[in-house]
Amino acid sequence: MIRENQEKHAASLPTPRGIRRACGKELYRTLKRLKHYVPEEKVQEAVELYYKRVVGHLEWIAQNHSNRKRLADWWDEAVCGEIAKLWGVDRDRLSRAFRDAFGG
């Protein structure tokens, strides 16, 4: 009985579609705070890059889903540098914009 109750209330992993949409929304909010134009092709390329990184670390991300600061720290280490290079913006500026948009 207790085991059934724990399984019922355990958080399930998000779907690939949900992950892709969340990545897109987070980068869209980040771009708004950057106030820097990025062509749509580069935005989509960044979304794909971010999506692949999230899928690669999905279990850890799901375990830390409520700790925004820790997730933002992971984003800085795993994703920020490549997206900054792709978009042609300063890494620190992108990191601050992401943290502002993400809440970490």
PDB file of N, CA and C in Angstrom:
ATOM      1  N   MET A   1       0.823  -1.190   0.000  1.00  0.00           N
ATOM      2  CA  MET A   1       0.000   0.000   0.000  1.00  0.00           C
ATOM      3  C   MET A   1       0.872   1.261   0.000  1.00  0.00           C
ATOM      4  N   ILE A   2       1.882   1.326   0.854  1.00  0.00           N
ATOM      5  CA  ILE A   2       2.737   2.498   0.922  1.00  0.00           C
ATOM      6  C   ILE A   2       3.523   2.646  -0.376  1.00  0.00           C
ATOM      7  N   ARG A   3       4.016   1.546  -0.915  1.00  0.00           N
ATOM      8  CA  ARG A   3       4.796   1.587  -2.160  1.00  0.00           C
ATOM      9  C   ARG A   3       3.931   2.108  -3.310  1.00  0.00           C
ATOM     10  N   GLU A   4       2.696   1.674  -3.397  1.00  0.00           N
ATOM     11  CA  GLU A   4       1.798   2.150  -4.445  1.00  0.00           C
ATOM     12  C   GLU A   4       1.588   3.656  -4.326  1.00  0.00           C
ATOM     13  N   ASN A   5       1.451   4.144  -3.113  1.00  0.00           N
ATOM     14  CA  ASN A   5       1.234   5.564  -2.883  1.00  0.00           C
ATOM     15  C   ASN A   5       2.456   6.375  -3.295  1.00  0.00           C
ATOM     16  N   GLN A   6       3.666   5.876  -3.015  1.00  0.00           N
ATOM     17  CA  GLN A   6       4.886   6.579  -3.389  1.00  0.00           C
ATOM     18  C   GLN A   6       5.031   6.639  -4.907  1.00  0.00           C
ATOM     19  N   GLU A   7       4.721   5.560  -5.593  1.00  0.00           N
ATOM     20  CA  GLU A   7       4.821   5.537  -7.045  1.00  0.00           C
ATOM     21  C   GLU A   7       3.805   6.473  -7.684  1.00  0.00           C
ATOM     22  N   LYS A   8       2.648   6.559  -7.100  1.00  0.00           N
ATOM     23  CA  LYS A   8       1.596   7.400  -7.649  1.00  0.00           C
ATOM     24  C   LYS A   8       1.980   8.875  -7.596  1.00  0.00           C
ATOM     25  N   HIS A   9       2.706   9.264  -6.553  1.00  0.00           N
ATOM     26  CA  HIS A   9       3.044  10.667  -6.366  1.00  0.00           C
ATOM     27  C   HIS A   9       4.455  11.021  -6.822  1.00  0.00           C
ATOM     28  N   ALA A  10       5.184  10.062  -7.326  1.00  0.00           N
ATOM     29  CA  ALA A  10       6.528  10.338  -7.822  1.00  0.00           C
ATOM     30  C   ALA A  10       6.444  11.133  -9.122  1.00  0.00           C
ATOM     31  N   ALA A  11       7.342  12.105  -9.280  1.00  0.00           N
ATOM     32  CA  ALA A  11       7.351  12.929 -10.494  1.00  0.00           C
ATOM     33  C   ALA A  11       7.884  12.097 -11.657  1.00  0.00           C
ATOM     34  N   SER A  12       7.167  12.129 -12.753  1.00  0.00           N
ATOM     35  CA  SER A  12       7.615  11.396 -13.931  1.00  0.00           C
ATOM     36  C   SER A  12       8.523  12.298 -14.766  1.00  0.00           C
ATOM     37  N   LEU A  13       9.319  11.688 -15.608  1.00  0.00           N
ATOM     38  CA  LEU A  13      10.209  12.449 -16.476  1.00  0.00           C
ATOM     39  C   LEU A  13       9.390  13.160 -17.544  1.00  0.00           C
ATOM     40  N   PRO A  14       9.807  14.338 -17.954  1.00  0.00           N
ATOM     41  CA  PRO A  14       9.059  15.070 -18.981  1.00  0.00           C
ATOM     42  C   PRO A  14       9.196  14.401 -20.346  1.00  0.00           C
ATOM     43  N   THR A  15       8.247  14.693 -21.212  1.00  0.00           N
ATOM     44  CA  THR A  15       8.260  14.141 -22.564  1.00  0.00           C
ATOM     45  C   THR A  15       9.255  14.918 -23.426  1.00  0.00           C
ATOM     46  N   PRO A  16       9.738  14.325 -24.506  1.00  0.00           N
ATOM     47  CA  PRO A  16      10.653  15.057 -25.394  1.00  0.00           C
ATOM     48  C   PRO A  16      10.042  16.355 -25.927  1.00  0.00           C
ATOM     49  N   ARG A  17       8.771  16.331 -26.251  1.00  0.00           N
ATOM     50  CA  ARG A  17       8.100  17.542 -26.736  1.00  0.00           C
ATOM     51  C   ARG A  17       8.094  18.624 -25.661  1.00  0.00           C
ATOM     52  N   GLY A  18       7.806  18.237 -24.427  1.00  0.00           N
ATOM     53  CA  GLY A  18       7.806  19.189 -23.323  1.00  0.00           C
ATOM     54  C   GLY A  18       9.175  19.784 -23.060  1.00  0.00           C
ATOM     55  N   ILE A  19      10.199  18.944 -23.183  1.00  0.00           N
ATOM     56  CA  ILE A  19      11.570  19.422 -22.986  1.00  0.00           C
ATOM     57  C   ILE A  19      11.930  20.441 -24.060  1.00  0.00           C
ATOM     58  N   ARG A  20      11.618  20.107 -25.322  1.00  0.00           N
ATOM     59  CA  ARG A  20      11.945  21.007 -26.432  1.00  0.00           C
ATOM     60  C   ARG A  20      11.225  22.347 -26.276  1.00  0.00           C
ATOM     61  N   ARG A  21       9.963  22.310 -25.893  1.00  0.00           N
ATOM     62  CA  ARG A  21       9.198  23.549 -25.701  1.00  0.00           C
ATOM     63  C   ARG A  21       9.763  24.374 -24.553  1.00  0.00           C
ATOM     64  N   ALA A  22      10.136  23.722 -23.464  1.00  0.00           N
ATOM     65  CA  ALA A  22      10.704  24.436 -22.318  1.00  0.00           C
ATOM     66  C   ALA A  22      12.035  25.089 -22.693  1.00  0.00           C
ATOM     67  N   CYS A  23      12.862  24.363 -23.440  1.00  0.00           N
ATOM     68  CA  CYS A  23      14.149  24.919 -23.871  1.00  0.00           C
ATOM     69  C   CYS A  23      13.920  26.146 -24.750  1.00  0.00           C
ATOM     70  N   GLY A  24      12.976  26.051 -25.663  1.00  0.00           N
ATOM     71  CA  GLY A  24      12.659  27.173 -26.542  1.00  0.00           C
ATOM     72  C   GLY A  24      12.160  28.386 -25.774  1.00  0.00           C
ATOM     73  N   LYS A  25      11.278  28.150 -24.810  1.00  0.00           N
ATOM     74  CA  LYS A  25      10.744  29.255 -24.008  1.00  0.00           C
ATOM     75  C   LYS A  25      11.842  29.932 -23.195  1.00  0.00           C
ATOM     76  N   GLU A  26      12.713  29.122 -22.589  1.00  0.00           N
ATOM     77  CA  GLU A  26      13.778  29.689 -21.768  1.00  0.00           C
ATOM     78  C   GLU A  26      14.737  30.530 -22.606  1.00  0.00           C
ATOM     79  N   LEU A  27      15.073  30.055 -23.798  1.00  0.00           N
ATOM     80  CA  LEU A  27      15.971  30.829 -24.658  1.00  0.00           C
ATOM     81  C   LEU A  27      15.268  32.064 -25.215  1.00  0.00           C
ATOM     82  N   TYR A  28      13.975  31.974 -25.492  1.00  0.00           N
ATOM     83  CA  TYR A  28      13.218  33.138 -25.953  1.00  0.00           C
ATOM     84  C   TYR A  28      13.220  34.233 -24.887  1.00  0.00           C
ATOM     85  N   ARG A  29      12.962  33.852 -23.647  1.00  0.00           N
ATOM     86  CA  ARG A  29      12.965  34.826 -22.541  1.00  0.00           C
ATOM     87  C   ARG A  29      14.356  35.423 -22.343  1.00  0.00           C
ATOM     88  N   THR A  30      15.379  34.597 -22.526  1.00  0.00           N
ATOM     89  CA  THR A  30      16.753  35.071 -22.407  1.00  0.00           C
ATOM     90  C   THR A  30      17.056  36.094 -23.491  1.00  0.00           C
ATOM     91  N   LEU A  31      16.646  35.807 -24.721  1.00  0.00           N
ATOM     92  CA  LEU A  31      16.871  36.741 -25.830  1.00  0.00           C
ATOM     93  C   LEU A  31      16.178  38.076 -25.596  1.00  0.00           C
ATOM     94  N   LYS A  32      14.983  38.040 -25.051  1.00  0.00           N
ATOM     95  CA  LYS A  32      14.271  39.289 -24.756  1.00  0.00           C
ATOM     96  C   LYS A  32      15.055  40.138 -23.776  1.00  0.00           C
ATOM     97  N   ARG A  33      15.666  39.513 -22.793  1.00  0.00           N
ATOM     98  CA  ARG A  33      16.439  40.261 -21.805  1.00  0.00           C
ATOM     99  C   ARG A  33      17.788  40.728 -22.343  1.00  0.00           C
ATOM    100  N   LEU A  34      18.318  40.018 -23.336  1.00  0.00           N
ATOM    101  CA  LEU A  34      19.581  40.422 -23.959  1.00  0.00           C
ATOM    102  C   LEU A  34      19.414  41.680 -24.801  1.00  0.00           C
ATOM    103  N   LYS A  35      18.238  41.843 -25.394  1.00  0.00           N
ATOM    104  CA  LYS A  35      17.961  42.951 -26.315  1.00  0.00           C
ATOM    105  C   LYS A  35      18.998  42.967 -27.436  1.00  0.00           C
ATOM    106  N   HIS A  36      19.188  41.790 -28.018  1.00  0.00           N
ATOM    107  CA  HIS A  36      20.166  41.589 -29.085  1.00  0.00           C
ATOM    108  C   HIS A  36      19.493  40.737 -30.161  1.00  0.00           C
ATOM    109  N   TYR A  37      19.578  41.166 -31.423  1.00  0.00           N
ATOM    110  CA  TYR A  37      18.954  40.405 -32.497  1.00  0.00           C
ATOM    111  C   TYR A  37      19.790  39.168 -32.833  1.00  0.00           C
ATOM    112  N   VAL A  38      19.109  38.036 -32.918  1.00  0.00           N
ATOM    113  CA  VAL A  38      19.731  36.784 -33.338  1.00  0.00           C
ATOM    114  C   VAL A  38      18.833  36.195 -34.419  1.00  0.00           C
ATOM    115  N   PRO A  39      19.394  35.839 -35.579  1.00  0.00           N
ATOM    116  CA  PRO A  39      18.578  35.251 -36.642  1.00  0.00           C
ATOM    117  C   PRO A  39      17.876  33.969 -36.186  1.00  0.00           C
ATOM    118  N   GLU A  40      16.711  33.726 -36.746  1.00  0.00           N
ATOM    119  CA  GLU A  40      15.889  32.575 -36.356  1.00  0.00           C
ATOM    120  C   GLU A  40      16.639  31.248 -36.497  1.00  0.00           C
ATOM    121  N   GLU A  41      17.468  31.108 -37.520  1.00  0.00           N
ATOM    122  CA  GLU A  41      18.214  29.861 -37.717  1.00  0.00           C
ATOM    123  C   GLU A  41      19.153  29.588 -36.547  1.00  0.00           C
ATOM    124  N   LYS A  42      19.791  30.644 -36.055  1.00  0.00           N
ATOM    125  CA  LYS A  42      20.717  30.482 -34.928  1.00  0.00           C
ATOM    126  C   LYS A  42      19.965  30.219 -33.629  1.00  0.00           C
ATOM    127  N   VAL A  43      18.775  30.786 -33.513  1.00  0.00           N
ATOM    128  CA  VAL A  43      17.953  30.505 -32.336  1.00  0.00           C
ATOM    129  C   VAL A  43      17.566  29.031 -32.329  1.00  0.00           C
ATOM    130  N   GLN A  44      17.135  28.511 -33.482  1.00  0.00           N
ATOM    131  CA  GLN A  44      16.758  27.099 -33.565  1.00  0.00           C
ATOM    132  C   GLN A  44      17.954  26.180 -33.323  1.00  0.00           C
ATOM    133  N   GLU A  45      19.104  26.575 -33.801  1.00  0.00           N
ATOM    134  CA  GLU A  45      20.317  25.799 -33.563  1.00  0.00           C
ATOM    135  C   GLU A  45      20.645  25.757 -32.069  1.00  0.00           C
ATOM    136  N   ALA A  46      20.458  26.887 -31.386  1.00  0.00           N
ATOM    137  CA  ALA A  46      20.699  26.954 -29.942  1.00  0.00           C
ATOM    138  C   ALA A  46      19.689  26.099 -29.184  1.00  0.00           C
ATOM    139  N   VAL A  47      18.430  26.113 -29.628  1.00  0.00           N
ATOM    140  CA  VAL A  47      17.407  25.290 -28.986  1.00  0.00           C
ATOM    141  C   VAL A  47      17.774  23.815 -29.113  1.00  0.00           C
ATOM    142  N   GLU A  48      18.223  23.392 -30.290  1.00  0.00           N
ATOM    143  CA  GLU A  48      18.630  21.997 -30.497  1.00  0.00           C
ATOM    144  C   GLU A  48      19.813  21.632 -29.603  1.00  0.00           C
ATOM    145  N   LEU A  49      20.791  22.516 -29.514  1.00  0.00           N
ATOM    146  CA  LEU A  49      21.950  22.277 -28.667  1.00  0.00           C
ATOM    147  C   LEU A  49      21.523  22.131 -27.205  1.00  0.00           C
ATOM    148  N   TYR A  50      20.711  23.044 -26.742  1.00  0.00           N
ATOM    149  CA  TYR A  50      20.225  23.036 -25.363  1.00  0.00           C
ATOM    150  C   TYR A  50      19.402  21.777 -25.105  1.00  0.00           C
ATOM    151  N   TYR A  51      18.534  21.424 -26.045  1.00  0.00           N
ATOM    152  CA  TYR A  51      17.688  20.236 -25.927  1.00  0.00           C
ATOM    153  C   TYR A  51      18.543  18.979 -25.775  1.00  0.00           C
ATOM    154  N   LYS A  52      19.568  18.841 -26.600  1.00  0.00           N
ATOM    155  CA  LYS A  52      20.424  17.653 -26.543  1.00  0.00           C
ATOM    156  C   LYS A  52      21.155  17.560 -25.209  1.00  0.00           C
ATOM    157  N   ARG A  53      21.598  18.697 -24.698  1.00  0.00           N
ATOM    158  CA  ARG A  53      22.287  18.696 -23.401  1.00  0.00           C
ATOM    159  C   ARG A  53      21.335  18.303 -22.274  1.00  0.00           C
ATOM    160  N   VAL A  54      20.108  18.815 -22.325  1.00  0.00           N
ATOM    161  CA  VAL A  54      19.124  18.492 -21.293  1.00  0.00           C
ATOM    162  C   VAL A  54      18.801  17.002 -21.339  1.00  0.00           C
ATOM    163  N   VAL A  55      18.582  16.457 -22.525  1.00  0.00           N
ATOM    164  CA  VAL A  55      18.266  15.033 -22.643  1.00  0.00           C
ATOM    165  C   VAL A  55      19.428  14.190 -22.123  1.00  0.00           C
ATOM    166  N   GLY A  56      20.641  14.622 -22.357  1.00  0.00           N
ATOM    167  CA  GLY A  56      21.810  13.897 -21.869  1.00  0.00           C
ATOM    168  C   GLY A  56      21.945  13.891 -20.351  1.00  0.00           C
ATOM    169  N   HIS A  57      21.371  14.872 -19.694  1.00  0.00           N
ATOM    170  CA  HIS A  57      21.454  14.975 -18.229  1.00  0.00           C
ATOM    171  C   HIS A  57      20.060  14.950 -17.595  1.00  0.00           C
ATOM    172  N   LEU A  58      19.133  14.289 -18.244  1.00  0.00           N
ATOM    173  CA  LEU A  58      17.725  14.342 -17.842  1.00  0.00           C
ATOM    174  C   LEU A  58      17.485  13.856 -16.421  1.00  0.00           C
ATOM    175  N   GLU A  59      18.118  12.769 -16.034  1.00  0.00           N
ATOM    176  CA  GLU A  59      17.884  12.232 -14.698  1.00  0.00           C
ATOM    177  C   GLU A  59      18.326  13.231 -13.625  1.00  0.00           C
ATOM    178  N   TRP A  60      19.518  13.819 -13.788  1.00  0.00           N
ATOM    179  CA  TRP A  60      20.010  14.797 -12.816  1.00  0.00           C
ATOM    180  C   TRP A  60      19.111  16.030 -12.797  1.00  0.00           C
ATOM    181  N   ILE A  61      18.693  16.484 -13.958  1.00  0.00           N
ATOM    182  CA  ILE A  61      17.828  17.659 -14.042  1.00  0.00           C
ATOM    183  C   ILE A  61      16.487  17.381 -13.385  1.00  0.00           C
ATOM    184  N   ALA A  62      15.941  16.200 -13.595  1.00  0.00           N
ATOM    185  CA  ALA A  62      14.661  15.845 -12.976  1.00  0.00           C
ATOM    186  C   ALA A  62      14.791  15.784 -11.450  1.00  0.00           C
ATOM    187  N   GLN A  63      15.921  15.302 -10.964  1.00  0.00           N
ATOM    188  CA  GLN A  63      16.132  15.234  -9.518  1.00  0.00           C
ATOM    189  C   GLN A  63      16.259  16.624  -8.896  1.00  0.00           C
ATOM    190  N   ASN A  64      16.778  17.576  -9.659  1.00  0.00           N
ATOM    191  CA  ASN A  64      17.010  18.929  -9.148  1.00  0.00           C
ATOM    192  C   ASN A  64      16.025  19.944  -9.721  1.00  0.00           C
ATOM    193  N   HIS A  65      14.871  19.482 -10.157  1.00  0.00           N
ATOM    194  CA  HIS A  65      13.921  20.362 -10.844  1.00  0.00           C
ATOM    195  C   HIS A  65      13.454  21.547  -9.997  1.00  0.00           C
ATOM    196  N   SER A  66      13.507  21.430  -8.702  1.00  0.00           N
ATOM    197  CA  SER A  66      13.027  22.522  -7.860  1.00  0.00           C
ATOM    198  C   SER A  66      14.148  23.477  -7.426  1.00  0.00           C
ATOM    199  N   ASN A  67      15.381  23.201  -7.776  1.00  0.00           N
ATOM    200  CA  ASN A  67      16.515  24.033  -7.379  1.00  0.00           C
ATOM    201  C   ASN A  67      16.994  24.852  -8.587  1.00  0.00           C
ATOM    202  N   ARG A  68      16.375  26.001  -8.787  1.00  0.00           N
ATOM    203  CA  ARG A  68      16.664  26.829  -9.959  1.00  0.00           C
ATOM    204  C   ARG A  68      18.125  27.300  -9.996  1.00  0.00           C
ATOM    205  N   LYS A  69      18.677  27.626  -8.846  1.00  0.00           N
ATOM    206  CA  LYS A  69      20.065  28.093  -8.814  1.00  0.00           C
ATOM    207  C   LYS A  69      21.015  27.003  -9.298  1.00  0.00           C
ATOM    208  N   ARG A  70      20.803  25.805  -8.855  1.00  0.00           N
ATOM    209  CA  ARG A  70      21.654  24.686  -9.270  1.00  0.00           C
ATOM    210  C   ARG A  70      21.498  24.399 -10.768  1.00  0.00           C
ATOM    211  N   LEU A  71      20.270  24.477 -11.267  1.00  0.00           N
ATOM    212  CA  LEU A  71      20.036  24.264 -12.696  1.00  0.00           C
ATOM    213  C   LEU A  71      20.690  25.371 -13.528  1.00  0.00           C
ATOM    214  N   ALA A  72      20.608  26.602 -13.041  1.00  0.00           N
ATOM    215  CA  ALA A  72      21.243  27.716 -13.752  1.00  0.00           C
ATOM    216  C   ALA A  72      22.762  27.577 -13.735  1.00  0.00           C
ATOM    217  N   ASP A  73      23.316  27.087 -12.631  1.00  0.00           N
ATOM    218  CA  ASP A  73      24.759  26.828 -12.564  1.00  0.00           C
ATOM    219  C   ASP A  73      25.153  25.769 -13.595  1.00  0.00           C
ATOM    220  N   TRP A  74      24.340  24.700 -13.712  1.00  0.00           N
ATOM    221  CA  TRP A  74      24.608  23.662 -14.710  1.00  0.00           C
ATOM    222  C   TRP A  74      24.554  24.260 -16.112  1.00  0.00           C
ATOM    223  N   TRP A  75      23.575  25.115 -16.358  1.00  0.00           N
ATOM    224  CA  TRP A  75      23.433  25.741 -17.680  1.00  0.00           C
ATOM    225  C   TRP A  75      24.681  26.565 -18.016  1.00  0.00           C
ATOM    226  N   ASP A  76      25.183  27.297 -17.028  1.00  0.00           N
ATOM    227  CA  ASP A  76      26.403  28.089 -17.232  1.00  0.00           C
ATOM    228  C   ASP A  76      27.574  27.200 -17.654  1.00  0.00           C
ATOM    229  N   GLU A  77      27.710  26.048 -17.008  1.00  0.00           N
ATOM    230  CA  GLU A  77      28.833  25.162 -17.298  1.00  0.00           C
ATOM    231  C   GLU A  77      28.664  24.397 -18.610  1.00  0.00           C
ATOM    232  N   ALA A  78      27.463  23.902 -18.862  1.00  0.00           N
ATOM    233  CA  ALA A  78      27.260  22.959 -19.964  1.00  0.00           C
ATOM    234  C   ALA A  78      26.802  23.590 -21.273  1.00  0.00           C
ATOM    235  N   VAL A  79      26.136  24.736 -21.216  1.00  0.00           N
ATOM    236  CA  VAL A  79      25.473  25.243 -22.416  1.00  0.00           C
ATOM    237  C   VAL A  79      25.874  26.675 -22.766  1.00  0.00           C
ATOM    238  N   CYS A  80      26.066  27.511 -21.805  1.00  0.00           N
ATOM    239  CA  CYS A  80      26.225  28.949 -22.007  1.00  0.00           C
ATOM    240  C   CYS A  80      27.342  29.313 -22.982  1.00  0.00           C
ATOM    241  N   GLY A  81      28.501  28.723 -22.828  1.00  0.00           N
ATOM    242  CA  GLY A  81      29.639  29.076 -23.677  1.00  0.00           C
ATOM    243  C   GLY A  81      29.383  28.848 -25.154  1.00  0.00           C
ATOM    244  N   GLU A  82      28.797  27.708 -25.481  1.00  0.00           N
ATOM    245  CA  GLU A  82      28.545  27.393 -26.890  1.00  0.00           C
ATOM    246  C   GLU A  82      27.455  28.278 -27.488  1.00  0.00           C
ATOM    247  N   ILE A  83      26.420  28.573 -26.713  1.00  0.00           N
ATOM    248  CA  ILE A  83      25.362  29.448 -27.226  1.00  0.00           C
ATOM    249  C   ILE A  83      25.884  30.872 -27.374  1.00  0.00           C
ATOM    250  N   ALA A  84      26.711  31.328 -26.436  1.00  0.00           N
ATOM    251  CA  ALA A  84      27.295  32.669 -26.549  1.00  0.00           C
ATOM    252  C   ALA A  84      28.138  32.782 -27.814  1.00  0.00           C
ATOM    253  N   LYS A  85      28.918  31.762 -28.106  1.00  0.00           N
ATOM    254  CA  LYS A  85      29.743  31.753 -29.321  1.00  0.00           C
ATOM    255  C   LYS A  85      28.851  31.719 -30.570  1.00  0.00           C
ATOM    256  N   LEU A  86      27.800  30.899 -30.532  1.00  0.00           N
ATOM    257  CA  LEU A  86      26.882  30.780 -31.661  1.00  0.00           C
ATOM    258  C   LEU A  86      26.157  32.097 -31.942  1.00  0.00           C
ATOM    259  N   TRP A  87      25.729  32.771 -30.889  1.00  0.00           N
ATOM    260  CA  TRP A  87      24.975  34.022 -31.038  1.00  0.00           C
ATOM    261  C   TRP A  87      25.875  35.245 -31.142  1.00  0.00           C
ATOM    262  N   GLY A  88      27.143  35.108 -30.844  1.00  0.00           N
ATOM    263  CA  GLY A  88      28.063  36.237 -30.920  1.00  0.00           C
ATOM    264  C   GLY A  88      27.851  37.272 -29.828  1.00  0.00           C
ATOM    265  N   VAL A  89      27.572  36.788 -28.612  1.00  0.00           N
ATOM    266  CA  VAL A  89      27.382  37.684 -27.470  1.00  0.00           C
ATOM    267  C   VAL A  89      28.375  37.310 -26.371  1.00  0.00           C
ATOM    268  N   ASP A  90      28.551  38.213 -25.423  1.00  0.00           N
ATOM    269  CA  ASP A  90      29.431  37.976 -24.291  1.00  0.00           C
ATOM    270  C   ASP A  90      28.838  36.897 -23.385  1.00  0.00           C
ATOM    271  N   ARG A  91      29.669  35.970 -22.966  1.00  0.00           N
ATOM    272  CA  ARG A  91      29.198  34.850 -22.141  1.00  0.00           C
ATOM    273  C   ARG A  91      28.590  35.324 -20.817  1.00  0.00           C
ATOM    274  N   ASP A  92      29.244  36.289 -20.152  1.00  0.00           N
ATOM    275  CA  ASP A  92      28.731  36.776 -18.872  1.00  0.00           C
ATOM    276  C   ASP A  92      27.383  37.468 -19.040  1.00  0.00           C
ATOM    277  N   ARG A  93      27.264  38.225 -20.103  1.00  0.00           N
ATOM    278  CA  ARG A  93      25.993  38.909 -20.374  1.00  0.00           C
ATOM    279  C   ARG A  93      24.873  37.898 -20.638  1.00  0.00           C
ATOM    280  N   LEU A  94      25.181  36.850 -21.397  1.00  0.00           N
ATOM    281  CA  LEU A  94      24.201  35.802 -21.674  1.00  0.00           C
ATOM    282  C   LEU A  94      23.832  35.070 -20.393  1.00  0.00           C
ATOM    283  N   SER A  95      24.806  34.795 -19.568  1.00  0.00           N
ATOM    284  CA  SER A  95      24.548  34.107 -18.305  1.00  0.00           C
ATOM    285  C   SER A  95      23.624  34.924 -17.401  1.00  0.00           C
ATOM    286  N   ARG A  96      23.894  36.231 -17.306  1.00  0.00           N
ATOM    287  CA  ARG A  96      23.034  37.096 -16.482  1.00  0.00           C
ATOM    288  C   ARG A  96      21.606  37.155 -17.036  1.00  0.00           C
ATOM    289  N   ALA A  97      21.486  37.231 -18.358  1.00  0.00           N
ATOM    290  CA  ALA A  97      20.160  37.277 -18.978  1.00  0.00           C
ATOM    291  C   ALA A  97      19.415  35.975 -18.734  1.00  0.00           C
ATOM    292  N   PHE A  98      20.114  34.844 -18.834  1.00  0.00           N
ATOM    293  CA  PHE A  98      19.460  33.549 -18.589  1.00  0.00           C
ATOM    294  C   PHE A  98      18.998  33.431 -17.144  1.00  0.00           C
ATOM    295  N   ARG A  99      19.873  33.800 -16.218  1.00  0.00           N
ATOM    296  CA  ARG A  99      19.499  33.712 -14.808  1.00  0.00           C
ATOM    297  C   ARG A  99      18.313  34.623 -14.487  1.00  0.00           C
ATOM    298  N   ASP A 100      18.291  35.792 -15.097  1.00  0.00           N
ATOM    299  CA  ASP A 100      17.164  36.698 -14.903  1.00  0.00           C
ATOM    300  C   ASP A 100      15.874  36.093 -15.445  1.00  0.00           C
ATOM    301  N   ALA A 101      15.964  35.469 -16.614  1.00  0.00           N
ATOM    302  CA  ALA A 101      14.779  34.877 -17.238  1.00  0.00           C
ATOM    303  C   ALA A 101      14.361  33.585 -16.547  1.00  0.00           C
ATOM    304  N   PHE A 102      15.317  32.789 -16.111  1.00  0.00           N
ATOM    305  CA  PHE A 102      15.055  31.466 -15.543  1.00  0.00           C
ATOM    306  C   PHE A 102      14.700  31.526 -14.062  1.00  0.00           C
ATOM    307  N   GLY A 103      15.233  32.523 -13.387  1.00  0.00           N
ATOM    308  CA  GLY A 103      14.940  32.642 -11.966  1.00  0.00           C
ATOM    309  C   GLY A 103      15.977  31.961 -11.086  1.00  0.00           C
ATOM    310  N   GLY A 104      17.217  31.830 -11.557  1.00  0.00           N
ATOM    311  CA  GLY A 104      18.245  31.157 -10.768  1.00  0.00           C
ATOM    312  C   GLY A 104      19.319  32.090 -10.440  1.00  0.00           C
TER     313      GLY A 104
END
